[in-house]
Amino acid sequence: MKQIQYNVKQWTTINEPNVMCTYFGTLLTTAGLVQPEEYDNFKCMHHITLAHAKAYRAFQEEKLEVQQISRENSSFLGTK
């Protein structure tokens, strides 16, 4: 992460993975891109939570300098 920290202008985390996974699961199945029985909402939430934890630990362990961290939820995308 230290190699890319100055090339990435904005880091984004996902707030409420259940909302995101439910939204995209519905979107994908409604569009006919995925069959409802093929989409696993819990697996989606599991992987998003693991990715978030891994990124958090990397920031903590490497003590990265970050200029902007954005936070995303269903109605807001902003800079802290």
C-alpha atoms as a PDB file:
ATOM      1  CA  MET A   1       0.000   0.000   0.000  1.00  0.00           C
ATOM      2  CA  LYS A   2       2.883   2.363   0.568  1.00  0.00           C
ATOM      3  CA  GLN A   3       3.733   2.098  -3.126  1.00  0.00           C
ATOM      4  CA  ILE A   4       0.340   3.415  -4.194  1.00  0.00           C
ATOM      5  CA  GLN A   5      -0.639   5.722  -1.330  1.00  0.00           C
ATOM      6  CA  TYR A   6       0.391   8.911  -3.157  1.00  0.00           C
ATOM      7  CA  ASN A   7      -1.113   7.825  -6.481  1.00  0.00           C
ATOM      8  CA  VAL A   8      -4.563   7.264  -5.010  1.00  0.00           C
ATOM      9  CA  LYS A   9      -6.274  10.575  -4.411  1.00  0.00           C
ATOM     10  CA  GLN A  10      -9.299   9.265  -2.542  1.00  0.00           C
ATOM     11  CA  TRP A  11      -9.883   6.073  -0.549  1.00  0.00           C
ATOM     12  CA  THR A  12     -13.473   4.924  -0.104  1.00  0.00           C
ATOM     13  CA  THR A  13     -14.939   2.558   2.444  1.00  0.00           C
ATOM     14  CA  ILE A  14     -18.328   0.912   2.244  1.00  0.00           C
ATOM     15  CA  ASN A  15     -20.766   1.687   5.012  1.00  0.00           C
ATOM     16  CA  GLU A  16     -23.517  -0.850   5.649  1.00  0.00           C
ATOM     17  CA  PRO A  17     -22.473  -3.738   3.374  1.00  0.00           C
ATOM     18  CA  ASN A  18     -25.910  -5.303   3.818  1.00  0.00           C
ATOM     19  CA  VAL A  19     -27.547  -2.341   2.041  1.00  0.00           C
ATOM     20  CA  MET A  20     -25.021  -2.391  -0.785  1.00  0.00           C
ATOM     21  CA  CYS A  21     -25.212  -6.155  -1.283  1.00  0.00           C
ATOM     22  CA  THR A  22     -29.002  -6.165  -1.197  1.00  0.00           C
ATOM     23  CA  TYR A  23     -29.167  -3.268  -3.668  1.00  0.00           C
ATOM     24  CA  PHE A  24     -26.702  -4.774  -6.154  1.00  0.00           C
ATOM     25  CA  GLY A  25     -28.156  -8.250  -5.742  1.00  0.00           C
ATOM     26  CA  THR A  26     -31.590  -6.908  -6.627  1.00  0.00           C
ATOM     27  CA  LEU A  27     -30.163  -4.877  -9.490  1.00  0.00           C
ATOM     28  CA  LEU A  28     -28.260  -7.842 -10.959  1.00  0.00           C
ATOM     29  CA  THR A  29     -31.172 -10.250 -10.688  1.00  0.00           C
ATOM     30  CA  THR A  30     -33.710  -7.745 -12.022  1.00  0.00           C
ATOM     31  CA  ALA A  31     -31.457  -7.053 -15.019  1.00  0.00           C
ATOM     32  CA  GLY A  32     -31.251 -10.797 -15.637  1.00  0.00           C
ATOM     33  CA  LEU A  33     -27.465 -10.843 -15.257  1.00  0.00           C
ATOM     34  CA  VAL A  34     -27.603 -13.267 -12.329  1.00  0.00           C
ATOM     35  CA  GLN A  35     -30.202 -15.840 -11.365  1.00  0.00           C
ATOM     36  CA  PRO A  36     -31.671 -15.224  -7.897  1.00  0.00           C
ATOM     37  CA  GLU A  37     -30.523 -18.647  -6.667  1.00  0.00           C
ATOM     38  CA  GLU A  38     -26.941 -17.831  -7.765  1.00  0.00           C
ATOM     39  CA  TYR A  39     -26.640 -14.612  -5.743  1.00  0.00           C
ATOM     40  CA  ASP A  40     -25.593 -14.992  -2.115  1.00  0.00           C
ATOM     41  CA  ASN A  41     -26.205 -11.829  -0.109  1.00  0.00           C
ATOM     42  CA  PHE A  42     -24.354 -13.169   2.949  1.00  0.00           C
ATOM     43  CA  LYS A  43     -21.304 -14.112   0.886  1.00  0.00           C
ATOM     44  CA  CYS A  44     -21.254 -10.589  -0.568  1.00  0.00           C
ATOM     45  CA  MET A  45     -21.400  -9.033   2.923  1.00  0.00           C
ATOM     46  CA  HIS A  46     -18.737 -11.444   4.170  1.00  0.00           C
ATOM     47  CA  HIS A  47     -16.258 -10.476   1.448  1.00  0.00           C
ATOM     48  CA  ILE A  48     -16.905  -6.744   1.769  1.00  0.00           C
ATOM     49  CA  THR A  49     -16.315  -6.949   5.524  1.00  0.00           C
ATOM     50  CA  LEU A  50     -13.080  -8.920   5.014  1.00  0.00           C
ATOM     51  CA  ALA A  51     -11.838  -6.403   2.446  1.00  0.00           C
ATOM     52  CA  HIS A  52     -12.662  -3.511   4.755  1.00  0.00           C
ATOM     53  CA  ALA A  53     -10.818  -5.143   7.666  1.00  0.00           C
ATOM     54  CA  LYS A  54      -7.787  -5.899   5.502  1.00  0.00           C
ATOM     55  CA  ALA A  55      -7.594  -2.297   4.264  1.00  0.00           C
ATOM     56  CA  TYR A  56      -8.031  -0.948   7.798  1.00  0.00           C
ATOM     57  CA  ARG A  57      -5.213  -3.133   9.116  1.00  0.00           C
ATOM     58  CA  ALA A  58      -2.936  -2.125   6.251  1.00  0.00           C
ATOM     59  CA  PHE A  59      -3.485   1.560   7.061  1.00  0.00           C
ATOM     60  CA  GLN A  60      -2.843   0.966  10.755  1.00  0.00           C
ATOM     61  CA  GLU A  61       0.230  -1.244  10.329  1.00  0.00           C
ATOM     62  CA  GLU A  62       1.917   0.894   7.687  1.00  0.00           C
ATOM     63  CA  LYS A  63       0.879   4.208   9.273  1.00  0.00           C
ATOM     64  CA  LEU A  64      -0.025   5.625   5.886  1.00  0.00           C
ATOM     65  CA  GLU A  65      -0.505   9.322   5.343  1.00  0.00           C
ATOM     66  CA  VAL A  66      -3.884   9.895   3.818  1.00  0.00           C
ATOM     67  CA  GLN A  67      -5.099  13.236   2.547  1.00  0.00           C
ATOM     68  CA  GLN A  68      -8.695  12.236   1.890  1.00  0.00           C
ATOM     69  CA  ILE A  69     -10.831   9.396   3.126  1.00  0.00           C
ATOM     70  CA  SER A  70     -14.379   9.291   1.871  1.00  0.00           C
ATOM     71  CA  ARG A  71     -17.260   7.528   3.458  1.00  0.00           C
ATOM     72  CA  GLU A  72     -20.105   6.097   1.419  1.00  0.00           C
ATOM     73  CA  ASN A  73     -23.569   5.082   2.397  1.00  0.00           C
ATOM     74  CA  SER A  74     -26.832   4.893   0.520  1.00  0.00           C
ATOM     75  CA  SER A  75     -27.369   8.664   0.287  1.00  0.00           C
ATOM     76  CA  PHE A  76     -24.026  10.439   0.855  1.00  0.00           C
ATOM     77  CA  LEU A  77     -20.526  10.434  -0.524  1.00  0.00           C
ATOM     78  CA  GLY A  78     -18.259  12.917   1.170  1.00  0.00           C
ATOM     79  CA  THR A  79     -14.777  13.676   2.348  1.00  0.00           C
ATOM     80  CA  LYS A  80     -13.779  13.521   5.973  1.00  0.00           C
END
